[in-house]
Amino acid sequence: MTTIIKVTFHIIDNEFESEYDYDTVFLKESEFLMFIRENLEVGNRIEVLSLEKETATLEEIKEKFYQHF
């Protein structure tokens, strides 16, 4: 079993002058923090709308979140 971090962000994208909500999944907290840092470094505004930790097998994660595998 693996713990995943499901997050919904609200992003105001400085480069493309757009605003949107973005749903994603991280396998590590460090990936989550890096995503936020990288967005801030390019001048985006980023807000966490929801954050949920969930435990699942790797197969369940692939089926549910990474359907292109």
PDB file of N, CA and C in Angstrom:
ATOM      1  N   MET A   1       0.848  -1.186   0.000  1.00  0.00           N
ATOM      2  CA  MET A   1       0.000   0.000   0.000  1.00  0.00           C
ATOM      3  C   MET A   1       0.892   1.247   0.000  1.00  0.00           C
ATOM      4  N   THR A   2       0.402   2.247  -0.701  1.00  0.00           N
ATOM      5  CA  THR A   2       1.111   3.508  -0.834  1.00  0.00           C
ATOM      6  C   THR A   2       0.158   4.634  -0.465  1.00  0.00           C
ATOM      7  N   THR A   3       0.672   5.650   0.187  1.00  0.00           N
ATOM      8  CA  THR A   3      -0.128   6.825   0.498  1.00  0.00           C
ATOM      9  C   THR A   3       0.077   7.847  -0.602  1.00  0.00           C
ATOM     10  N   ILE A   4      -1.023   8.352  -1.134  1.00  0.00           N
ATOM     11  CA  ILE A   4      -0.955   9.393  -2.146  1.00  0.00           C
ATOM     12  C   ILE A   4      -1.537  10.681  -1.576  1.00  0.00           C
ATOM     13  N   ILE A   5      -1.160  11.779  -2.182  1.00  0.00           N
ATOM     14  CA  ILE A   5      -1.672  13.083  -1.784  1.00  0.00           C
ATOM     15  C   ILE A   5      -2.476  13.627  -2.966  1.00  0.00           C
ATOM     16  N   LYS A   6      -3.785  13.710  -2.804  1.00  0.00           N
ATOM     17  CA  LYS A   6      -4.662  14.260  -3.847  1.00  0.00           C
ATOM     18  C   LYS A   6      -4.876  15.737  -3.535  1.00  0.00           C
ATOM     19  N   VAL A   7      -4.601  16.585  -4.524  1.00  0.00           N
ATOM     20  CA  VAL A   7      -4.665  18.023  -4.296  1.00  0.00           C
ATOM     21  C   VAL A   7      -5.429  18.712  -5.428  1.00  0.00           C
ATOM     22  N   THR A   8      -6.211  19.703  -5.053  1.00  0.00           N
ATOM     23  CA  THR A   8      -6.793  20.619  -6.017  1.00  0.00           C
ATOM     24  C   THR A   8      -6.208  21.994  -5.740  1.00  0.00           C
ATOM     25  N   PHE A   9      -5.586  22.555  -6.762  1.00  0.00           N
ATOM     26  CA  PHE A   9      -4.994  23.886  -6.672  1.00  0.00           C
ATOM     27  C   PHE A   9      -5.843  24.873  -7.453  1.00  0.00           C
ATOM     28  N   HIS A  10      -5.793  26.126  -7.046  1.00  0.00           N
ATOM     29  CA  HIS A  10      -6.275  27.223  -7.884  1.00  0.00           C
ATOM     30  C   HIS A  10      -5.018  27.985  -8.282  1.00  0.00           C
ATOM     31  N   ILE A  11      -4.810  28.118  -9.598  1.00  0.00           N
ATOM     32  CA  ILE A  11      -3.577  28.719 -10.100  1.00  0.00           C
ATOM     33  C   ILE A  11      -3.917  29.926 -10.961  1.00  0.00           C
ATOM     34  N   ILE A  12      -3.232  31.012 -10.686  1.00  0.00           N
ATOM     35  CA  ILE A  12      -3.276  32.174 -11.566  1.00  0.00           C
ATOM     36  C   ILE A  12      -1.940  32.162 -12.288  1.00  0.00           C
ATOM     37  N   ASP A  13      -1.990  31.800 -13.567  1.00  0.00           N
ATOM     38  CA  ASP A  13      -0.804  31.553 -14.376  1.00  0.00           C
ATOM     39  C   ASP A  13      -0.304  32.866 -14.969  1.00  0.00           C
ATOM     40  N   ASN A  14       0.857  33.295 -14.534  1.00  0.00           N
ATOM     41  CA  ASN A  14       1.454  34.550 -14.955  1.00  0.00           C
ATOM     42  C   ASN A  14       1.866  34.507 -16.426  1.00  0.00           C
ATOM     43  N   GLU A  15       2.443  33.407 -16.872  1.00  0.00           N
ATOM     44  CA  GLU A  15       2.956  33.302 -18.235  1.00  0.00           C
ATOM     45  C   GLU A  15       1.838  33.320 -19.278  1.00  0.00           C
ATOM     46  N   PHE A  16       0.786  32.552 -19.035  1.00  0.00           N
ATOM     47  CA  PHE A  16      -0.291  32.433 -20.015  1.00  0.00           C
ATOM     48  C   PHE A  16      -1.491  33.324 -19.699  1.00  0.00           C
ATOM     49  N   GLU A  17      -1.363  34.135 -18.650  1.00  0.00           N
ATOM     50  CA  GLU A  17      -2.418  35.052 -18.239  1.00  0.00           C
ATOM     51  C   GLU A  17      -3.772  34.360 -18.168  1.00  0.00           C
ATOM     52  N   SER A  18      -3.794  33.253 -17.425  1.00  0.00           N
ATOM     53  CA  SER A  18      -5.030  32.502 -17.245  1.00  0.00           C
ATOM     54  C   SER A  18      -5.192  32.111 -15.787  1.00  0.00           C
ATOM     55  N   GLU A  19      -6.371  31.643 -15.469  1.00  0.00           N
ATOM     56  CA  GLU A  19      -6.707  31.258 -14.099  1.00  0.00           C
ATOM     57  C   GLU A  19      -7.517  29.975 -14.167  1.00  0.00           C
ATOM     58  N   TYR A  20      -7.154  28.980 -13.363  1.00  0.00           N
ATOM     59  CA  TYR A  20      -7.824  27.684 -13.455  1.00  0.00           C
ATOM     60  C   TYR A  20      -7.618  26.869 -12.180  1.00  0.00           C
ATOM     61  N   ASP A  21      -8.467  25.851 -12.009  1.00  0.00           N
ATOM     62  CA  ASP A  21      -8.280  24.861 -10.952  1.00  0.00           C
ATOM     63  C   ASP A  21      -7.568  23.665 -11.561  1.00  0.00           C
ATOM     64  N   TYR A  22      -6.693  23.050 -10.777  1.00  0.00           N
ATOM     65  CA  TYR A  22      -5.874  21.949 -11.286  1.00  0.00           C
ATOM     66  C   TYR A  22      -5.874  20.818 -10.266  1.00  0.00           C
ATOM     67  N   ASP A  23      -6.371  19.638 -10.660  1.00  0.00           N
ATOM     68  CA  ASP A  23      -6.383  18.448  -9.813  1.00  0.00           C
ATOM     69  C   ASP A  23      -5.181  17.583 -10.157  1.00  0.00           C
ATOM     70  N   THR A  24      -4.487  17.100  -9.129  1.00  0.00           N
ATOM     71  CA  THR A  24      -3.328  16.248  -9.366  1.00  0.00           C
ATOM     72  C   THR A  24      -3.085  15.340  -8.181  1.00  0.00           C
ATOM     73  N   VAL A  25      -2.147  14.417  -8.367  1.00  0.00           N
ATOM     74  CA  VAL A  25      -1.797  13.444  -7.337  1.00  0.00           C
ATOM     75  C   VAL A  25      -0.283  13.426  -7.187  1.00  0.00           C
ATOM     76  N   PHE A  26       0.175  13.386  -5.950  1.00  0.00           N
ATOM     77  CA  PHE A  26       1.601  13.261  -5.653  1.00  0.00           C
ATOM     78  C   PHE A  26       1.836  12.002  -4.832  1.00  0.00           C
ATOM     79  N   LEU A  27       2.964  11.365  -5.069  1.00  0.00           N
ATOM     80  CA  LEU A  27       3.321  10.187  -4.282  1.00  0.00           C
ATOM     81  C   LEU A  27       4.178  10.548  -3.071  1.00  0.00           C
ATOM     82  N   LYS A  28       4.779  11.731  -3.099  1.00  0.00           N
ATOM     83  CA  LYS A  28       5.636  12.174  -1.996  1.00  0.00           C
ATOM     84  C   LYS A  28       5.324  13.622  -1.649  1.00  0.00           C
ATOM     85  N   GLU A  29       5.473  13.944  -0.379  1.00  0.00           N
ATOM     86  CA  GLU A  29       5.261  15.325   0.056  1.00  0.00           C
ATOM     87  C   GLU A  29       6.270  16.252  -0.601  1.00  0.00           C
ATOM     88  N   SER A  30       7.484  15.765  -0.832  1.00  0.00           N
ATOM     89  CA  SER A  30       8.511  16.592  -1.465  1.00  0.00           C
ATOM     90  C   SER A  30       8.106  16.997  -2.882  1.00  0.00           C
ATOM     91  N   GLU A  31       7.396  16.118  -3.615  1.00  0.00           N
ATOM     92  CA  GLU A  31       6.899  16.457  -4.957  1.00  0.00           C
ATOM     93  C   GLU A  31       5.843  17.562  -4.872  1.00  0.00           C
ATOM     94  N   PHE A  32       4.978  17.458  -3.898  1.00  0.00           N
ATOM     95  CA  PHE A  32       3.942  18.459  -3.655  1.00  0.00           C
ATOM     96  C   PHE A  32       4.576  19.832  -3.394  1.00  0.00           C
ATOM     97  N   LEU A  33       5.553  19.865  -2.514  1.00  0.00           N
ATOM     98  CA  LEU A  33       6.221  21.122  -2.176  1.00  0.00           C
ATOM     99  C   LEU A  33       7.003  21.680  -3.359  1.00  0.00           C
ATOM    100  N   MET A  34       7.632  20.813  -4.154  1.00  0.00           N
ATOM    101  CA  MET A  34       8.379  21.245  -5.326  1.00  0.00           C
ATOM    102  C   MET A  34       7.441  21.872  -6.365  1.00  0.00           C
ATOM    103  N   PHE A  35       6.269  21.295  -6.541  1.00  0.00           N
ATOM    104  CA  PHE A  35       5.288  21.833  -7.477  1.00  0.00           C
ATOM    105  C   PHE A  35       4.913  23.259  -7.073  1.00  0.00           C
ATOM    106  N   ILE A  36       4.650  23.461  -5.803  1.00  0.00           N
ATOM    107  CA  ILE A  36       4.307  24.797  -5.319  1.00  0.00           C
ATOM    108  C   ILE A  36       5.474  25.754  -5.528  1.00  0.00           C
ATOM    109  N   ARG A  37       6.670  25.335  -5.149  1.00  0.00           N
ATOM    110  CA  ARG A  37       7.855  26.183  -5.280  1.00  0.00           C
ATOM    111  C   ARG A  37       8.085  26.591  -6.735  1.00  0.00           C
ATOM    112  N   GLU A  38       8.002  25.630  -7.655  1.00  0.00           N
ATOM    113  CA  GLU A  38       8.238  25.922  -9.068  1.00  0.00           C
ATOM    114  C   GLU A  38       7.216  26.912  -9.619  1.00  0.00           C
ATOM    115  N   ASN A  39       5.974  26.799  -9.190  1.00  0.00           N
ATOM    116  CA  ASN A  39       4.958  27.753  -9.625  1.00  0.00           C
ATOM    117  C   ASN A  39       5.240  29.144  -9.087  1.00  0.00           C
ATOM    118  N   LEU A  40       5.633  29.229  -7.835  1.00  0.00           N
ATOM    119  CA  LEU A  40       5.943  30.532  -7.248  1.00  0.00           C
ATOM    120  C   LEU A  40       7.160  31.162  -7.917  1.00  0.00           C
ATOM    121  N   GLU A  41       8.146  30.350  -8.258  1.00  0.00           N
ATOM    122  CA  GLU A  41       9.372  30.856  -8.890  1.00  0.00           C
ATOM    123  C   GLU A  41       9.108  31.497 -10.252  1.00  0.00           C
ATOM    124  N   VAL A  42       8.102  31.027 -10.979  1.00  0.00           N
ATOM    125  CA  VAL A  42       7.789  31.614 -12.288  1.00  0.00           C
ATOM    126  C   VAL A  42       6.742  32.722 -12.181  1.00  0.00           C
ATOM    127  N   GLY A  43       6.369  33.079 -10.963  1.00  0.00           N
ATOM    128  CA  GLY A  43       5.475  34.203 -10.744  1.00  0.00           C
ATOM    129  C   GLY A  43       4.004  33.865 -10.694  1.00  0.00           C
ATOM    130  N   ASN A  44       3.671  32.587 -10.649  1.00  0.00           N
ATOM    131  CA  ASN A  44       2.267  32.197 -10.539  1.00  0.00           C
ATOM    132  C   ASN A  44       1.785  32.374  -9.106  1.00  0.00           C
ATOM    133  N   ARG A  45       0.494  32.620  -8.966  1.00  0.00           N
ATOM    134  CA  ARG A  45      -0.143  32.579  -7.651  1.00  0.00           C
ATOM    135  C   ARG A  45      -0.789  31.215  -7.548  1.00  0.00           C
ATOM    136  N   ILE A  46      -0.615  30.568  -6.408  1.00  0.00           N
ATOM    137  CA  ILE A  46      -1.116  29.211  -6.257  1.00  0.00           C
ATOM    138  C   ILE A  46      -1.749  29.063  -4.876  1.00  0.00           C
ATOM    139  N   GLU A  47      -2.921  28.447  -4.860  1.00  0.00           N
ATOM    140  CA  GLU A  47      -3.650  28.236  -3.614  1.00  0.00           C
ATOM    141  C   GLU A  47      -4.119  26.785  -3.563  1.00  0.00           C
ATOM    142  N   VAL A  48      -3.976  26.163  -2.421  1.00  0.00           N
ATOM    143  CA  VAL A  48      -4.465  24.792  -2.234  1.00  0.00           C
ATOM    144  C   VAL A  48      -5.938  24.883  -1.842  1.00  0.00           C
ATOM    145  N   LEU A  49      -6.809  24.328  -2.699  1.00  0.00           N
ATOM    146  CA  LEU A  49      -8.241  24.325  -2.411  1.00  0.00           C
ATOM    147  C   LEU A  49      -8.633  23.112  -1.585  1.00  0.00           C
ATOM    148  N   SER A  50      -7.999  21.971  -1.875  1.00  0.00           N
ATOM    149  CA  SER A  50      -8.267  20.768  -1.086  1.00  0.00           C
ATOM    150  C   SER A  50      -7.031  19.876  -1.118  1.00  0.00           C
ATOM    151  N   LEU A  51      -6.855  19.144  -0.036  1.00  0.00           N
ATOM    152  CA  LEU A  51      -5.745  18.216   0.095  1.00  0.00           C
ATOM    153  C   LEU A  51      -6.250  17.014   0.872  1.00  0.00           C
ATOM    154  N   GLU A  52      -6.035  15.838   0.301  1.00  0.00           N
ATOM    155  CA  GLU A  52      -6.529  14.609   0.921  1.00  0.00           C
ATOM    156  C   GLU A  52      -5.482  13.516   0.753  1.00  0.00           C
ATOM    157  N   LYS A  53      -5.203  12.809   1.816  1.00  0.00           N
ATOM    158  CA  LYS A  53      -4.311  11.663   1.731  1.00  0.00           C
ATOM    159  C   LYS A  53      -5.145  10.400   1.639  1.00  0.00           C
ATOM    160  N   GLU A  54      -4.696   9.489   0.776  1.00  0.00           N
ATOM    161  CA  GLU A  54      -5.433   8.254   0.540  1.00  0.00           C
ATOM    162  C   GLU A  54      -4.428   7.113   0.410  1.00  0.00           C
ATOM    163  N   THR A  55      -4.779   5.962   0.924  1.00  0.00           N
ATOM    164  CA  THR A  55      -3.927   4.785   0.815  1.00  0.00           C
ATOM    165  C   THR A  55      -4.483   3.862  -0.259  1.00  0.00           C
ATOM    166  N   ALA A  56      -3.591   3.408  -1.133  1.00  0.00           N
ATOM    167  CA  ALA A  56      -4.011   2.530  -2.224  1.00  0.00           C
ATOM    168  C   ALA A  56      -2.824   1.700  -2.683  1.00  0.00           C
ATOM    169  N   THR A  57      -3.095   0.639  -3.411  1.00  0.00           N
ATOM    170  CA  THR A  57      -2.021  -0.137  -4.019  1.00  0.00           C
ATOM    171  C   THR A  57      -1.552   0.611  -5.260  1.00  0.00           C
ATOM    172  N   LEU A  58      -0.367   0.290  -5.746  1.00  0.00           N
ATOM    173  CA  LEU A  58       0.135   0.935  -6.952  1.00  0.00           C
ATOM    174  C   LEU A  58      -0.776   0.676  -8.147  1.00  0.00           C
ATOM    175  N   GLU A  59      -1.338  -0.517  -8.230  1.00  0.00           N
ATOM    176  CA  GLU A  59      -2.260  -0.829  -9.327  1.00  0.00           C
ATOM    177  C   GLU A  59      -3.508   0.049  -9.261  1.00  0.00           C
ATOM    178  N   GLU A  60      -4.052   0.237  -8.072  1.00  0.00           N
ATOM    179  CA  GLU A  60      -5.226   1.094  -7.910  1.00  0.00           C
ATOM    180  C   GLU A  60      -4.901   2.533  -8.311  1.00  0.00           C
ATOM    181  N   ILE A  61      -3.719   2.981  -7.928  1.00  0.00           N
ATOM    182  CA  ILE A  61      -3.300   4.344  -8.268  1.00  0.00           C
ATOM    183  C   ILE A  61      -3.203   4.497  -9.782  1.00  0.00           C
ATOM    184  N   LYS A  62      -2.584   3.530 -10.449  1.00  0.00           N
ATOM    185  CA  LYS A  62      -2.461   3.584 -11.916  1.00  0.00           C
ATOM    186  C   LYS A  62      -3.833   3.601 -12.577  1.00  0.00           C
ATOM    187  N   GLU A  63      -4.726   2.741 -12.128  1.00  0.00           N
ATOM    188  CA  GLU A  63      -6.060   2.644 -12.735  1.00  0.00           C
ATOM    189  C   GLU A  63      -6.873   3.928 -12.514  1.00  0.00           C
ATOM    190  N   LYS A  64      -6.778   4.479 -11.327  1.00  0.00           N
ATOM    191  CA  LYS A  64      -7.625   5.600 -10.967  1.00  0.00           C
ATOM    192  C   LYS A  64      -7.084   6.949 -11.445  1.00  0.00           C
ATOM    193  N   PHE A  65      -5.770   7.113 -11.400  1.00  0.00           N
ATOM    194  CA  PHE A  65      -5.195   8.431 -11.650  1.00  0.00           C
ATOM    195  C   PHE A  65      -4.300   8.522 -12.876  1.00  0.00           C
ATOM    196  N   TYR A  66      -3.774   7.399 -13.314  1.00  0.00           N
ATOM    197  CA  TYR A  66      -2.830   7.438 -14.430  1.00  0.00           C
ATOM    198  C   TYR A  66      -3.302   6.482 -15.516  1.00  0.00           C
ATOM    199  N   GLN A  67      -4.427   6.776 -16.084  1.00  0.00           N
ATOM    200  CA  GLN A  67      -5.052   5.880 -17.052  1.00  0.00           C
ATOM    201  C   GLN A  67      -4.251   5.763 -18.341  1.00  0.00           C
ATOM    202  N   HIS A  68      -3.299   6.643 -18.570  1.00  0.00           N
ATOM    203  CA  HIS A  68      -2.510   6.572 -19.798  1.00  0.00           C
ATOM    204  C   HIS A  68      -1.369   5.552 -19.702  1.00  0.00           C
ATOM    205  N   PHE A  69      -1.172   4.913 -18.538  1.00  0.00           N
ATOM    206  CA  PHE A  69      -0.109   3.905 -18.415  1.00  0.00           C
ATOM    207  C   PHE A  69      -0.549   2.587 -19.022  1.00  0.00           C
TER     208      PHE A  69
END
